[in-house]
Amino acid sequence: MDLNLDINRGKKDIIGMAFFALAFIIFFYMIITPLDQLILHIDEYFTLTLVNFPVSDIISITSMDVHPPLYYLILKFAVKVLGFIGISSNNLYAVRLVSILPYALILVISYLKIKDEYGWLTAGLFALSIGLMSEFFTHFLIARMYSWAILFLLIAFIYTRDIFTKGDIKSWAIVTVASVLCAYTHYFAAMSAACLYLIIIFYVVTKKKDQIKNLGISIAAAVIMYSPWIMTLINQVTAVHNSYWIPEVDFDLTVQSLGYFAHGADSFIAVVAILLMAVIGYLYVKQLKEKYTMDNFYILTGLGVYVGTILLAIIISVAFKPILVVRYLMPAAAVFWLAVSILIGKIEDKKTFMYAFALIALLLVAGAGHMISTNITAYDEGIAKEDAFNQIMQNSNSALVLTKPNTIMYFLDYSDRIDTYCFNHSYVFGENMDRVHKIFDFNDISEDNLTSFVANDTKDVYIITWGDLDLDSSINKTKIWDDRGIEISKLTATEPVSEETEEEYY
């Protein structure tokens, strides 16, 4: 037995345990952070409104959106369970816990499976990386589908190795189901799962032909399980083709995407991260004594899922319609970090390991700084949102007007706390307005009657707009908050309304 090798492994275990302890501290901080009490992303308003609908409505509403429904169904089930112990769906902290749960499950998987297969260093580095790097921390808090998409894609990737090594039914079943769950959670996770399947197909056809039957069964089962949503997906693709907000792909966005595993927005840091990873890859290849091993192919599989997702998104963006948003790469970035963590754990040469570890440590320190900075910004923005709504809610004589269908679906959750009025629409995200009335307590108002409503001085009127809205010249609009095109404003009349107009309104 090589004593020096044993000593190196012992040191790696100590480092890995320390990293895992830090990851657990991050998880604990997720549970107690003041960010849990604040809206961190504008789309969370949509989540909080949607979860109030029955399951059948959730499915039909998401079919009119651009995301699949699984996360919302998970959240609906969770708030139902919490409701039995008196916690309402309006409790933002409870909703946060549903998003944090995948990180807890990833820590469990890291301890029970990744540690057993690759050692403490890989398990600890991986667990810490997806707590510190890029935008992982924030998106494990946000009441959206990203954390669940990360979990499902990681499960598919982790058990892909068992397909490579064992080819047992259990592994095929887990990879198949997890991949379908990806597709029901987020379409970019579905693209990443498709990239993973392409690599599995390549491996089976070239290295393990005895698994072709299982591969065929897996693909057929995946298609059958996803078939209920295929027509909806086609309709959503058509809607995206006609109109969507995502900008064209350019060089800067491509660089940001390639470096997204380390940083969420800065192109310079992305370039530095890419170069550092290239150096680590070179150091690893340099120490290899064999041209091909299973673990080397598996590491390349993880890197291939990340790069393949970006390439596929760029191809679709150029040929069809822009779809590339860097945060959508989060699930693939998690797979990337697991592959890198395995790579680092496989380096046995002491000198090579020290160089590679120093570069990784540099990225982790930069990631910690970015996470802290991002959290401060998110807190400040969250407080600004909360202050804007508190200004309305603390005024017992206030009224909130919601205009377009998207503002209604985003902010109707406030109707139980604010006297709310919605512009007359026959349907909102495919839901008949009469149906919406049965779930939320709000009043109808026509756009034509807005002027007389504002002129009635018995209420302080606030309005939420998304996009342009032509207001009568007799109305003053004072903006109190805006975020990504959404504005909350206070409306006041410049001219007194006649008694005849008041009577007409009432």
Protein backbone atom coordinates (compact mmCIF):
# COMPACT_ATOMS: atom_id res chain seq x y z
CA MET A 1 0.00 0.00 0.00
CA ASP A 2 1.30 3.48 -0.91
CA LEU A 3 1.54 5.34 2.41
CA ASN A 4 1.84 8.75 0.72
CA LEU A 5 -1.32 8.05 -1.29
CA ASP A 6 -3.16 7.14 1.92
CA ILE A 7 -1.97 10.36 3.57
CA ASN A 8 -3.15 12.39 0.55
CA ARG A 9 -6.55 10.72 0.73
CA GLY A 10 -6.75 11.50 4.43
CA LYS A 11 -6.06 15.18 3.76
CA LYS A 12 -8.62 15.20 0.95
CA ASP A 13 -11.20 13.72 3.33
CA ILE A 14 -10.51 16.45 5.88
CA ILE A 15 -10.91 19.17 3.23
CA GLY A 16 -14.08 17.53 1.94
CA MET A 17 -15.59 17.27 5.43
CA ALA A 18 -14.81 20.96 6.02
CA PHE A 19 -16.46 21.87 2.72
CA PHE A 20 -19.49 19.75 3.56
CA ALA A 21 -19.78 21.46 6.96
CA LEU A 22 -19.69 24.85 5.21
CA ALA A 23 -22.40 23.64 2.82
CA PHE A 24 -24.54 22.66 5.79
CA ILE A 25 -23.99 26.14 7.30
CA ILE A 26 -25.18 27.64 3.98
CA PHE A 27 -28.26 25.42 4.15
CA PHE A 28 -28.93 26.58 7.72
CA TYR A 29 -28.51 30.20 6.63
CA MET A 30 -31.03 29.63 3.82
CA ILE A 31 -33.57 28.71 6.48
CA ILE A 32 -32.95 31.73 8.74
CA THR A 33 -31.97 34.48 6.27
CA PRO A 34 -34.12 37.64 6.27
CA LEU A 35 -34.40 37.16 2.51
CA ASP A 36 -37.00 34.49 3.30
CA GLN A 37 -39.46 37.23 4.20
CA LEU A 38 -39.02 39.24 0.98
CA ILE A 39 -40.00 38.90 -2.67
CA LEU A 40 -36.68 38.40 -4.50
CA HIS A 41 -37.89 38.02 -8.08
CA ILE A 42 -40.86 39.57 -9.84
CA ASP A 43 -42.12 36.17 -11.06
CA GLU A 44 -42.68 35.08 -7.46
CA TYR A 45 -45.85 37.18 -7.45
CA PHE A 46 -47.19 34.90 -10.18
CA THR A 47 -46.34 31.85 -8.06
CA LEU A 48 -48.10 33.22 -4.99
CA THR A 49 -51.26 33.95 -6.98
CA LEU A 50 -51.26 30.68 -8.90
CA VAL A 51 -50.94 28.44 -5.85
CA ASN A 52 -54.38 29.62 -4.67
CA PHE A 53 -56.06 27.94 -7.65
CA PRO A 54 -57.24 24.31 -7.68
CA VAL A 55 -54.96 21.77 -9.34
CA SER A 56 -56.96 21.64 -12.60
CA ASP A 57 -56.75 25.42 -12.92
CA ILE A 58 -53.02 25.41 -12.18
CA ILE A 59 -52.47 23.05 -15.10
CA SER A 60 -54.63 25.10 -17.48
CA ILE A 61 -53.06 28.42 -16.43
CA THR A 62 -49.49 27.13 -16.82
CA SER A 63 -50.46 25.83 -20.25
CA MET A 64 -51.03 29.49 -21.17
CA ASP A 65 -47.66 30.46 -19.68
CA VAL A 66 -44.21 29.44 -20.95
CA HIS A 67 -43.31 26.95 -18.21
CA PRO A 68 -44.50 23.42 -17.44
CA PRO A 69 -46.62 22.80 -14.30
CA LEU A 70 -44.75 20.36 -12.02
CA TYR A 71 -43.19 22.89 -9.62
CA TYR A 72 -46.55 24.57 -9.05
CA LEU A 73 -48.17 21.20 -8.36
CA ILE A 74 -45.41 20.35 -5.85
CA LEU A 75 -45.95 23.70 -4.18
CA LYS A 76 -49.73 23.23 -4.19
CA PHE A 77 -49.35 19.87 -2.45
CA ALA A 78 -46.93 21.37 0.09
CA VAL A 79 -49.19 24.30 1.00
CA LYS A 80 -52.14 21.90 1.30
CA VAL A 81 -50.15 19.87 3.83
CA LEU A 82 -49.06 23.03 5.64
CA GLY A 83 -52.67 24.22 5.65
CA PHE A 84 -53.58 21.29 7.91
CA ILE A 85 -51.32 22.79 10.58
CA GLY A 86 -52.66 26.31 10.10
CA ILE A 87 -50.04 27.76 7.73
CA SER A 88 -51.65 29.61 4.81
CA SER A 89 -50.44 29.77 1.22
CA ASN A 90 -49.78 33.49 1.76
CA ASN A 91 -46.98 32.59 4.16
CA LEU A 92 -43.91 33.44 2.08
CA TYR A 93 -41.57 31.62 4.46
CA ALA A 94 -43.46 28.35 3.98
CA VAL A 95 -43.22 28.79 0.20
CA ARG A 96 -39.48 29.46 0.58
CA LEU A 97 -39.02 26.15 2.41
CA VAL A 98 -40.42 24.30 -0.60
CA SER A 99 -37.66 25.85 -2.74
CA ILE A 100 -34.96 25.14 -0.14
CA LEU A 101 -35.96 21.48 0.21
CA PRO A 102 -34.09 20.39 -2.97
CA TYR A 103 -30.81 21.71 -1.52
CA ALA A 104 -31.43 19.66 1.61
CA LEU A 105 -32.06 16.58 -0.56
CA ILE A 106 -28.88 17.28 -2.55
CA LEU A 107 -26.90 17.37 0.70
CA VAL A 108 -28.40 13.98 1.62
CA ILE A 109 -27.54 12.56 -1.82
CA SER A 110 -24.02 13.98 -1.53
CA TYR A 111 -23.52 12.27 1.81
CA LEU A 112 -25.15 8.92 1.01
CA LYS A 113 -24.16 8.35 -2.64
CA ILE A 114 -21.55 10.77 -3.94
CA LYS A 115 -19.35 10.37 -0.85
CA ASP A 116 -19.53 6.58 -1.05
CA GLU A 117 -18.61 6.53 -4.74
CA TYR A 118 -16.04 9.34 -4.91
CA GLY A 119 -15.01 10.26 -1.37
CA TRP A 120 -15.47 13.18 0.95
CA LEU A 121 -13.63 15.74 -1.19
CA THR A 122 -15.92 15.33 -4.19
CA ALA A 123 -19.06 15.28 -2.02
CA GLY A 124 -18.00 18.32 0.02
CA LEU A 125 -16.73 20.39 -2.92
CA PHE A 126 -19.88 19.69 -4.92
CA ALA A 127 -22.24 20.52 -2.03
CA LEU A 128 -20.38 23.75 -1.33
CA SER A 129 -20.12 24.74 -4.99
CA ILE A 130 -23.86 24.72 -5.61
CA GLY A 131 -24.36 26.74 -2.47
CA LEU A 132 -21.77 29.41 -3.26
CA MET A 133 -21.19 29.66 -6.99
CA SER A 134 -23.06 31.56 -9.69
CA GLU A 135 -26.67 32.31 -8.64
CA PHE A 136 -27.38 29.01 -6.92
CA PHE A 137 -27.99 30.44 -3.45
CA THR A 138 -30.58 32.95 -4.64
CA HIS A 139 -32.43 30.41 -6.78
CA PHE A 140 -32.62 27.90 -3.95
CA LEU A 141 -34.69 30.59 -2.20
CA ILE A 142 -36.81 31.98 -5.01
CA ALA A 143 -40.36 30.65 -5.22
CA ARG A 144 -39.85 29.30 -8.72
CA MET A 145 -39.00 25.98 -10.34
CA TYR A 146 -35.22 26.27 -10.58
CA SER A 147 -34.22 24.39 -7.43
CA TRP A 148 -36.44 21.43 -8.32
CA ALA A 149 -35.10 21.38 -11.89
CA ILE A 150 -31.57 21.26 -10.44
CA LEU A 151 -32.50 18.32 -8.21
CA PHE A 152 -34.16 16.27 -10.96
CA LEU A 153 -31.35 16.80 -13.49
CA LEU A 154 -28.71 15.93 -10.88
CA ILE A 155 -30.53 12.70 -10.04
CA ALA A 156 -30.64 11.78 -13.73
CA PHE A 157 -26.93 12.53 -14.11
CA ILE A 158 -25.87 10.72 -10.92
CA TYR A 159 -27.65 7.53 -11.93
CA THR A 160 -26.35 7.75 -15.50
CA ARG A 161 -23.05 6.47 -14.11
CA ASP A 162 -24.89 3.40 -12.81
CA ILE A 163 -26.22 2.85 -16.34
CA PHE A 164 -22.63 3.01 -17.61
CA THR A 165 -21.31 0.62 -14.96
CA LYS A 166 -24.25 -1.65 -14.06
CA GLY A 167 -26.97 -1.21 -16.63
CA ASP A 168 -29.56 -2.44 -14.14
CA ILE A 169 -33.30 -1.77 -14.38
CA LYS A 170 -33.25 0.45 -11.28
CA SER A 171 -30.73 2.84 -12.83
CA TRP A 172 -32.59 3.03 -16.13
CA ALA A 173 -35.89 3.65 -14.31
CA ILE A 174 -34.44 6.44 -12.15
CA VAL A 175 -32.77 8.20 -15.10
CA THR A 176 -35.95 7.90 -17.19
CA VAL A 177 -38.30 9.22 -14.51
CA ALA A 178 -35.91 12.00 -13.39
CA SER A 179 -35.49 13.15 -17.02
CA VAL A 180 -39.26 13.31 -17.52
CA LEU A 181 -39.58 15.25 -14.27
CA CYS A 182 -37.01 17.70 -15.67
CA ALA A 183 -39.22 18.20 -18.72
CA TYR A 184 -42.27 18.79 -16.54
CA THR A 185 -40.36 21.33 -14.43
CA HIS A 186 -38.39 23.55 -16.81
CA TYR A 187 -37.79 23.36 -20.55
CA PHE A 188 -34.07 24.12 -20.25
CA ALA A 189 -33.77 21.23 -17.81
CA ALA A 190 -35.52 19.16 -20.48
CA MET A 191 -32.90 20.29 -23.02
CA SER A 192 -30.13 19.31 -20.61
CA ALA A 193 -31.79 15.92 -20.06
CA ALA A 194 -31.95 15.52 -23.86
CA CYS A 195 -28.21 16.22 -24.09
CA LEU A 196 -27.64 13.62 -21.38
CA TYR A 197 -29.71 11.08 -23.31
CA LEU A 198 -27.73 11.75 -26.50
CA ILE A 199 -24.54 10.90 -24.63
CA ILE A 200 -26.17 7.78 -23.15
CA ILE A 201 -27.24 6.72 -26.66
CA PHE A 202 -23.69 7.24 -27.92
CA TYR A 203 -22.27 5.20 -25.05
CA VAL A 204 -24.72 2.33 -25.41
CA VAL A 205 -24.31 2.11 -29.19
CA THR A 206 -20.50 2.22 -29.06
CA LYS A 207 -19.60 0.57 -25.74
CA LYS A 208 -22.55 -1.38 -24.33
CA LYS A 209 -24.71 -2.78 -27.09
CA ASP A 210 -26.29 -5.26 -24.69
CA GLN A 211 -28.19 -2.25 -23.23
CA ILE A 212 -29.87 -1.21 -26.49
CA LYS A 213 -33.12 -2.88 -25.45
CA ASN A 214 -33.18 -1.00 -22.12
CA LEU A 215 -32.35 2.21 -23.97
CA GLY A 216 -35.31 1.72 -26.31
CA ILE A 217 -37.66 0.97 -23.41
CA SER A 218 -36.39 4.06 -21.57
CA ILE A 219 -36.97 6.38 -24.53
CA ALA A 220 -40.43 4.89 -25.21
CA ALA A 221 -41.40 5.20 -21.54
CA ALA A 222 -40.21 8.82 -21.44
CA VAL A 223 -42.27 9.70 -24.52
CA ILE A 224 -45.37 8.01 -23.07
CA MET A 225 -44.99 9.77 -19.68
CA TYR A 226 -44.56 13.14 -21.36
CA SER A 227 -47.26 12.68 -24.02
CA PRO A 228 -50.05 14.41 -21.98
CA TRP A 229 -48.09 17.68 -22.20
CA ILE A 230 -46.82 17.49 -25.79
CA MET A 231 -49.75 19.38 -27.39
CA THR A 232 -49.46 22.08 -24.75
CA LEU A 233 -45.74 22.35 -25.46
CA ILE A 234 -46.46 22.81 -29.17
CA ASN A 235 -48.96 25.59 -28.38
CA GLN A 236 -46.45 27.27 -26.07
CA VAL A 237 -43.73 27.07 -28.72
CA THR A 238 -46.11 28.74 -31.20
CA ALA A 239 -46.85 31.51 -28.69
CA VAL A 240 -43.14 32.04 -28.04
CA HIS A 241 -42.47 32.23 -31.77
CA ASN A 242 -45.09 34.96 -32.16
CA SER A 243 -43.98 37.12 -29.23
CA TYR A 244 -41.39 36.87 -26.48
CA TRP A 245 -39.10 39.18 -24.55
CA ILE A 246 -35.74 37.38 -24.72
CA PRO A 247 -33.00 39.33 -26.59
CA GLU A 248 -30.90 38.04 -29.48
CA VAL A 249 -27.84 35.90 -28.76
CA ASP A 250 -24.59 37.84 -29.11
CA PHE A 251 -20.92 37.27 -28.21
CA ASP A 252 -21.29 38.76 -24.73
CA LEU A 253 -24.28 36.53 -23.89
CA THR A 254 -22.40 33.48 -25.18
CA VAL A 255 -19.40 34.23 -22.96
CA GLN A 256 -21.67 34.82 -19.96
CA SER A 257 -23.37 31.50 -20.63
CA LEU A 258 -20.11 29.55 -20.83
CA GLY A 259 -18.95 31.10 -17.57
CA TYR A 260 -22.32 30.99 -15.83
CA PHE A 261 -21.24 28.05 -13.67
CA ALA A 262 -19.08 30.54 -11.74
CA HIS A 263 -20.80 33.91 -12.07
CA GLY A 264 -24.23 35.13 -12.99
CA ALA A 265 -23.64 38.25 -15.07
CA ASP A 266 -20.07 39.58 -15.35
CA SER A 267 -18.43 38.67 -18.68
CA PHE A 268 -14.89 39.38 -17.43
CA ILE A 269 -15.27 37.05 -14.45
CA ALA A 270 -16.87 34.50 -16.78
CA VAL A 271 -13.77 34.57 -19.01
CA VAL A 272 -11.49 34.19 -15.99
CA ALA A 273 -13.59 31.24 -14.73
CA ILE A 274 -13.46 29.56 -18.15
CA LEU A 275 -9.67 29.95 -18.30
CA LEU A 276 -9.23 28.59 -14.77
CA MET A 277 -11.36 25.57 -15.61
CA ALA A 278 -9.35 25.03 -18.80
CA VAL A 279 -6.16 24.98 -16.72
CA ILE A 280 -7.69 22.50 -14.26
CA GLY A 281 -8.76 20.30 -17.18
CA TYR A 282 -5.24 20.44 -18.62
CA LEU A 283 -3.70 19.47 -15.28
CA TYR A 284 -6.06 16.52 -15.00
CA VAL A 285 -5.40 15.27 -18.53
CA LYS A 286 -1.66 15.63 -17.96
CA GLN A 287 -1.73 13.25 -14.98
CA LEU A 288 -3.74 10.54 -16.77
CA LYS A 289 -1.96 7.27 -17.31
CA GLU A 290 -4.77 5.75 -19.37
CA LYS A 291 -6.41 7.14 -22.47
CA TYR A 292 -9.89 6.03 -21.49
CA THR A 293 -11.55 5.20 -18.18
CA MET A 294 -15.19 5.08 -17.17
CA ASP A 295 -14.81 8.02 -14.78
CA ASN A 296 -13.10 10.12 -17.45
CA PHE A 297 -16.00 9.53 -19.83
CA TYR A 298 -18.47 10.29 -17.04
CA ILE A 299 -16.70 13.57 -16.26
CA LEU A 300 -16.85 14.48 -19.96
CA THR A 301 -20.56 13.59 -19.89
CA GLY A 302 -21.17 16.22 -17.19
CA LEU A 303 -19.21 18.84 -19.10
CA GLY A 304 -21.02 17.81 -22.28
CA VAL A 305 -24.44 18.34 -20.68
CA TYR A 306 -23.48 21.91 -19.78
CA VAL A 307 -21.84 22.89 -23.06
CA GLY A 308 -24.42 20.92 -25.06
CA THR A 309 -27.29 22.80 -23.42
CA ILE A 310 -25.69 26.13 -24.34
CA LEU A 311 -25.04 25.04 -27.94
CA LEU A 312 -28.57 23.70 -28.33
CA ALA A 313 -30.01 26.95 -26.92
CA ILE A 314 -27.87 29.02 -29.32
CA ILE A 315 -28.92 26.91 -32.32
CA ILE A 316 -32.62 27.26 -31.42
CA SER A 317 -32.16 30.99 -30.75
CA VAL A 318 -30.59 31.59 -34.16
CA ALA A 319 -32.85 29.28 -36.17
CA PHE A 320 -36.16 29.85 -34.41
CA LYS A 321 -36.52 32.44 -31.66
CA PRO A 322 -34.18 33.69 -28.90
CA ILE A 323 -34.53 31.45 -25.83
CA LEU A 324 -31.15 31.77 -24.09
CA VAL A 325 -31.37 33.29 -20.61
CA VAL A 326 -28.36 32.58 -18.42
CA ARG A 327 -30.33 31.67 -15.31
CA TYR A 328 -32.03 28.91 -17.27
CA LEU A 329 -28.63 27.16 -17.33
CA MET A 330 -28.73 26.60 -13.57
CA PRO A 331 -29.57 22.84 -13.69
CA ALA A 332 -26.84 22.18 -16.27
CA ALA A 333 -24.39 24.27 -14.22
CA ALA A 334 -25.08 22.01 -11.21
CA VAL A 335 -24.17 18.96 -13.31
CA PHE A 336 -21.04 20.81 -14.44
CA TRP A 337 -19.96 21.33 -10.82
CA LEU A 338 -20.50 17.67 -9.96
CA ALA A 339 -18.31 16.69 -12.92
CA VAL A 340 -15.62 19.16 -11.84
CA SER A 341 -15.81 17.95 -8.23
CA ILE A 342 -15.29 14.36 -9.42
CA LEU A 343 -12.35 15.53 -11.54
CA ILE A 344 -10.69 17.30 -8.58
CA GLY A 345 -11.19 14.24 -6.40
CA LYS A 346 -9.52 12.06 -9.05
CA ILE A 347 -6.26 14.03 -9.14
CA GLU A 348 -3.69 11.96 -7.26
CA ASP A 349 -0.42 13.75 -8.01
CA LYS A 350 0.24 16.02 -5.02
CA LYS A 351 1.65 18.94 -7.01
CA THR A 352 -1.07 18.79 -9.65
CA PHE A 353 -3.72 18.61 -6.95
CA MET A 354 -2.33 21.66 -5.16
CA TYR A 355 -2.43 23.74 -8.35
CA ALA A 356 -5.95 22.60 -9.23
CA PHE A 357 -7.22 23.03 -5.69
CA ALA A 358 -5.77 26.56 -5.50
CA LEU A 359 -7.65 27.52 -8.65
CA ILE A 360 -10.89 26.02 -7.32
CA ALA A 361 -10.40 27.78 -3.98
CA LEU A 362 -9.98 31.06 -5.86
CA LEU A 363 -13.31 30.48 -7.60
CA LEU A 364 -14.99 29.56 -4.31
CA VAL A 365 -13.76 32.74 -2.63
CA ALA A 366 -14.94 34.82 -5.59
CA GLY A 367 -18.25 32.94 -5.47
CA ALA A 368 -18.67 33.71 -1.77
CA GLY A 369 -18.05 37.39 -2.44
CA HIS A 370 -20.52 37.41 -5.30
CA MET A 371 -23.14 35.61 -3.19
CA ILE A 372 -22.79 38.15 -0.37
CA SER A 373 -23.01 41.06 -2.81
CA THR A 374 -26.02 39.52 -4.56
CA ASN A 375 -27.78 38.93 -1.26
CA ILE A 376 -27.29 42.55 -0.21
CA THR A 377 -28.71 43.75 -3.54
CA ALA A 378 -31.61 41.28 -3.33
CA TYR A 379 -32.39 42.43 0.23
CA ASP A 380 -32.40 46.12 -0.78
CA GLU A 381 -34.64 45.42 -3.78
CA GLY A 382 -36.92 43.22 -1.68
CA ILE A 383 -37.30 45.92 0.93
CA ALA A 384 -38.18 48.44 -1.81
CA LYS A 385 -40.93 46.12 -3.07
CA GLU A 386 -42.24 45.55 0.44
CA ASP A 387 -42.21 49.29 1.23
CA ALA A 388 -44.22 50.00 -1.91
CA PHE A 389 -46.95 47.52 -0.99
CA ASN A 390 -46.87 48.52 2.68
CA GLN A 391 -47.56 52.09 1.61
CA ILE A 392 -50.78 50.81 0.07
CA MET A 393 -51.80 48.23 2.66
CA GLN A 394 -51.22 50.45 5.66
CA ASN A 395 -53.68 52.94 4.21
CA SER A 396 -57.11 51.60 5.16
CA ASN A 397 -58.67 53.80 2.52
CA SER A 398 -56.59 52.59 -0.42
CA ALA A 399 -57.67 50.81 -3.60
CA LEU A 400 -55.46 48.85 -5.96
CA VAL A 401 -56.23 48.71 -9.68
CA LEU A 402 -54.83 45.87 -11.79
CA THR A 403 -54.86 46.45 -15.53
CA LYS A 404 -53.70 43.81 -18.00
CA PRO A 405 -54.14 40.04 -17.59
CA ASN A 406 -50.50 39.58 -16.61
CA THR A 407 -50.69 42.15 -13.79
CA ILE A 408 -53.92 40.53 -12.62
CA MET A 409 -52.35 37.07 -12.50
CA TYR A 410 -49.24 38.40 -10.78
CA PHE A 411 -50.79 40.59 -8.09
CA LEU A 412 -54.29 39.28 -7.45
CA ASP A 413 -52.93 37.49 -4.38
CA TYR A 414 -53.05 40.91 -2.64
CA SER A 415 -56.84 41.06 -3.02
CA ASP A 416 -57.35 39.65 0.49
CA ARG A 417 -55.28 42.51 1.96
CA ILE A 418 -56.14 45.44 -0.32
CA ASP A 419 -59.42 46.62 -1.82
CA THR A 420 -58.69 45.43 -5.38
CA TYR A 421 -60.22 46.36 -8.74
CA CYS A 422 -59.45 44.58 -12.02
CA PHE A 423 -60.05 45.79 -15.54
CA ASN A 424 -62.81 43.84 -17.27
CA HIS A 425 -61.37 40.88 -19.14
CA SER A 426 -63.25 37.82 -20.30
CA TYR A 427 -60.25 35.58 -19.67
CA VAL A 428 -56.99 35.77 -17.73
CA PHE A 429 -54.37 33.18 -18.76
CA GLY A 430 -57.17 31.08 -20.19
CA GLU A 431 -59.28 31.29 -17.02
CA ASN A 432 -62.79 32.66 -17.30
CA MET A 433 -63.06 35.79 -15.13
CA ASP A 434 -66.13 34.39 -13.40
CA ARG A 435 -64.01 31.45 -12.30
CA VAL A 436 -61.34 33.79 -10.97
CA HIS A 437 -64.02 35.63 -8.98
CA LYS A 438 -64.84 32.42 -7.12
CA ILE A 439 -61.26 32.16 -5.86
CA PHE A 440 -60.37 35.82 -5.20
CA ASP A 441 -62.40 38.67 -3.75
CA PHE A 442 -62.07 41.64 -6.10
CA ASN A 443 -64.18 44.18 -7.97
CA ASP A 444 -64.51 44.77 -11.70
CA ILE A 445 -63.87 48.14 -13.27
CA SER A 446 -63.78 49.18 -16.91
CA GLU A 447 -60.84 51.13 -18.28
CA ASP A 448 -63.28 53.82 -19.40
CA ASN A 449 -64.45 54.34 -15.80
CA LEU A 450 -60.95 54.70 -14.34
CA THR A 451 -60.98 58.50 -14.57
CA SER A 452 -64.22 58.89 -12.63
CA PHE A 453 -63.06 56.29 -10.12
CA VAL A 454 -59.85 58.23 -9.42
CA ALA A 455 -61.73 61.52 -9.24
CA ASN A 456 -63.92 60.13 -6.46
CA ASP A 457 -61.94 61.42 -3.47
CA THR A 458 -63.19 58.75 -1.06
CA LYS A 459 -60.27 56.45 -1.98
CA ASP A 460 -56.53 56.71 -2.53
CA VAL A 461 -56.07 54.87 -5.82
CA TYR A 462 -52.93 52.93 -6.74
CA ILE A 463 -52.40 51.17 -10.04
CA ILE A 464 -50.06 48.43 -11.24
CA THR A 465 -49.15 48.63 -14.92
CA TRP A 466 -47.02 46.40 -17.14
CA GLY A 467 -46.27 48.11 -20.40
CA ASP A 468 -47.98 51.20 -21.76
CA LEU A 469 -51.36 52.38 -20.50
CA ASP A 470 -53.00 55.52 -21.87
CA LEU A 471 -54.35 57.59 -18.99
CA ASP A 472 -56.74 60.50 -19.26
CA SER A 473 -55.00 63.88 -19.10
CA SER A 474 -57.04 64.65 -15.98
CA ILE A 475 -55.13 61.95 -14.02
CA ASN A 476 -51.74 62.50 -12.39
CA LYS A 477 -49.52 59.43 -12.01
CA THR A 478 -46.85 59.35 -9.30
CA LYS A 479 -44.56 56.32 -9.55
CA ILE A 480 -43.67 54.74 -6.20
CA TRP A 481 -41.90 51.58 -7.44
CA ASP A 482 -40.86 49.89 -10.67
CA ASP A 483 -39.11 46.65 -11.60
CA ARG A 484 -38.52 45.23 -15.09
CA GLY A 485 -41.30 47.19 -16.72
CA ILE A 486 -43.81 46.77 -13.88
CA GLU A 487 -44.81 49.98 -12.13
CA ILE A 488 -46.82 50.80 -9.03
CA SER A 489 -48.13 54.35 -9.13
CA LYS A 490 -50.50 56.53 -7.17
CA LEU A 491 -53.24 58.17 -9.23
CA THR A 492 -54.76 61.52 -8.40
CA ALA A 493 -57.27 63.65 -10.29
CA THR A 494 -56.23 67.04 -11.59
CA GLU A 495 -59.85 68.09 -12.04
CA PRO A 496 -62.78 67.51 -9.70
CA VAL A 497 -65.41 65.11 -11.03
CA SER A 498 -68.96 66.33 -11.44
CA GLU A 499 -71.72 64.90 -9.29
CA GLU A 500 -73.35 63.59 -12.47
CA THR A 501 -70.18 61.62 -13.37
CA GLU A 502 -69.90 60.26 -9.82
CA GLU A 503 -73.49 59.03 -9.98
CA GLU A 504 -72.81 57.48 -13.39
CA TYR A 505 -69.83 55.55 -11.99
CA TYR A 506 -71.78 54.22 -9.03
